[in-house]
Amino acid sequence: MPTVLICSTVYQPVASALAKALGVGDLTIATIPHPYSWSGLSREDVKERATGVVDQVLGGLTGKAQPKAAAGR
């Protein structure tokens, strides 16, 4: 089943290591700038960060993404 993990840039190295250790090293990991929370970010900031990973997520779900997707905007 196609799966995409979304995490912030701070957690991407850990996510990659865990994916590899668990036998899913080809897992698409869509990364967003850290921190990602409603606290301190405007709605527009959150929308921009989410929009920045849409292509990575869709690509991962449709099989058109590179295994370790680059960081989002």
C-alpha atoms as a PDB file:
ATOM      1  CA  MET A   1       0.000   0.000   0.000  1.00  0.00           C
ATOM      2  CA  PRO A   2       1.488   3.381  -0.964  1.00  0.00           C
ATOM      3  CA  THR A   3       2.503   5.331   2.119  1.00  0.00           C
ATOM      4  CA  VAL A   4       4.022   8.741   2.700  1.00  0.00           C
ATOM      5  CA  LEU A   5       5.374   9.991   6.004  1.00  0.00           C
ATOM      6  CA  ILE A   6       5.163  13.723   6.633  1.00  0.00           C
ATOM      7  CA  CYS A   7       7.564  15.103   9.224  1.00  0.00           C
ATOM      8  CA  SER A   8       9.515  18.245   9.979  1.00  0.00           C
ATOM      9  CA  THR A   9      13.115  18.671   8.915  1.00  0.00           C
ATOM     10  CA  VAL A  10      14.357  18.054  12.461  1.00  0.00           C
ATOM     11  CA  TYR A  11      12.891  14.541  12.512  1.00  0.00           C
ATOM     12  CA  GLN A  12      13.739  13.513   8.940  1.00  0.00           C
ATOM     13  CA  PRO A  13      17.084  11.836   9.795  1.00  0.00           C
ATOM     14  CA  VAL A  14      15.430   9.761  12.528  1.00  0.00           C
ATOM     15  CA  ALA A  15      12.506   8.880  10.260  1.00  0.00           C
ATOM     16  CA  SER A  16      14.882   7.744   7.503  1.00  0.00           C
ATOM     17  CA  ALA A  17      16.932   5.620   9.903  1.00  0.00           C
ATOM     18  CA  LEU A  18      13.832   3.998  11.379  1.00  0.00           C
ATOM     19  CA  ALA A  19      12.336   3.327   7.947  1.00  0.00           C
ATOM     20  CA  LYS A  20      15.555   1.631   6.855  1.00  0.00           C
ATOM     21  CA  ALA A  21      15.804  -0.386  10.094  1.00  0.00           C
ATOM     22  CA  LEU A  22      12.206  -1.537   9.685  1.00  0.00           C
ATOM     23  CA  GLY A  23      12.771  -2.650   6.101  1.00  0.00           C
ATOM     24  CA  VAL A  24      11.007   0.207   4.335  1.00  0.00           C
ATOM     25  CA  GLY A  25      14.006   2.209   3.241  1.00  0.00           C
ATOM     26  CA  ASP A  26      12.161   3.261   0.094  1.00  0.00           C
ATOM     27  CA  LEU A  27       9.468   5.051   2.129  1.00  0.00           C
ATOM     28  CA  THR A  28       8.711   8.502   0.750  1.00  0.00           C
ATOM     29  CA  ILE A  29       9.337  11.079   3.449  1.00  0.00           C
ATOM     30  CA  ALA A  30       7.870  14.495   2.755  1.00  0.00           C
ATOM     31  CA  THR A  31       9.554  17.079   4.943  1.00  0.00           C
ATOM     32  CA  ILE A  32       8.298  20.440   6.052  1.00  0.00           C
ATOM     33  CA  PRO A  33      10.284  23.212   7.735  1.00  0.00           C
ATOM     34  CA  HIS A  34      10.582  22.911  11.514  1.00  0.00           C
ATOM     35  CA  PRO A  35       8.770  23.852  13.657  1.00  0.00           C
ATOM     36  CA  TYR A  36       5.370  22.906  12.365  1.00  0.00           C
ATOM     37  CA  SER A  37       2.624  23.813  14.746  1.00  0.00           C
ATOM     38  CA  TRP A  38      -0.178  26.279  14.986  1.00  0.00           C
ATOM     39  CA  SER A  39       1.692  27.976  17.811  1.00  0.00           C
ATOM     40  CA  GLY A  40       3.506  30.997  16.434  1.00  0.00           C
ATOM     41  CA  LEU A  41       2.573  30.441  12.790  1.00  0.00           C
ATOM     42  CA  SER A  42      -0.083  32.332  10.889  1.00  0.00           C
ATOM     43  CA  ARG A  43      -2.695  30.466   8.895  1.00  0.00           C
ATOM     44  CA  GLU A  44      -0.905  31.619   5.755  1.00  0.00           C
ATOM     45  CA  ASP A  45       2.398  30.153   7.027  1.00  0.00           C
ATOM     46  CA  VAL A  46       0.734  26.808   7.727  1.00  0.00           C
ATOM     47  CA  LYS A  47      -0.964  26.842   4.324  1.00  0.00           C
ATOM     48  CA  GLU A  48       2.360  27.597   2.588  1.00  0.00           C
ATOM     49  CA  ARG A  49       4.119  24.741   4.380  1.00  0.00           C
ATOM     50  CA  ALA A  50       1.331  22.304   3.581  1.00  0.00           C
ATOM     51  CA  THR A  51       1.235  23.397  -0.051  1.00  0.00           C
ATOM     52  CA  GLY A  52       4.991  22.877  -0.231  1.00  0.00           C
ATOM     53  CA  VAL A  53       4.655  19.113   0.303  1.00  0.00           C
ATOM     54  CA  VAL A  54       1.572  18.366  -1.807  1.00  0.00           C
ATOM     55  CA  ASP A  55       3.613  17.226  -4.813  1.00  0.00           C
ATOM     56  CA  GLN A  56       5.800  15.006  -2.610  1.00  0.00           C
ATOM     57  CA  VAL A  57       2.765  13.389  -1.001  1.00  0.00           C
ATOM     58  CA  LEU A  58       0.884  12.858  -4.255  1.00  0.00           C
ATOM     59  CA  GLY A  59       4.031  11.563  -5.941  1.00  0.00           C
ATOM     60  CA  GLY A  60       4.633   9.098  -3.129  1.00  0.00           C
ATOM     61  CA  LEU A  61       1.070   7.853  -3.234  1.00  0.00           C
ATOM     62  CA  THR A  62       1.058   7.422  -7.008  1.00  0.00           C
ATOM     63  CA  GLY A  63       4.563   5.972  -7.319  1.00  0.00           C
ATOM     64  CA  LYS A  64       5.945   9.025  -9.113  1.00  0.00           C
ATOM     65  CA  ALA A  65       8.145  10.338  -6.284  1.00  0.00           C
ATOM     66  CA  GLN A  66      11.799   9.797  -5.533  1.00  0.00           C
ATOM     67  CA  PRO A  67      12.183   7.536  -2.465  1.00  0.00           C
ATOM     68  CA  LYS A  68      13.591  10.197  -0.138  1.00  0.00           C
ATOM     69  CA  ALA A  69      11.746  13.335  -1.159  1.00  0.00           C
ATOM     70  CA  ALA A  70      13.533  16.646  -0.744  1.00  0.00           C
ATOM     71  CA  ALA A  71      12.548  19.061   1.968  1.00  0.00           C
ATOM     72  CA  GLY A  72       9.425  21.106   1.390  1.00  0.00           C
ATOM     73  CA  ARG A  73       9.464  24.865   1.037  1.00  0.00           C
END
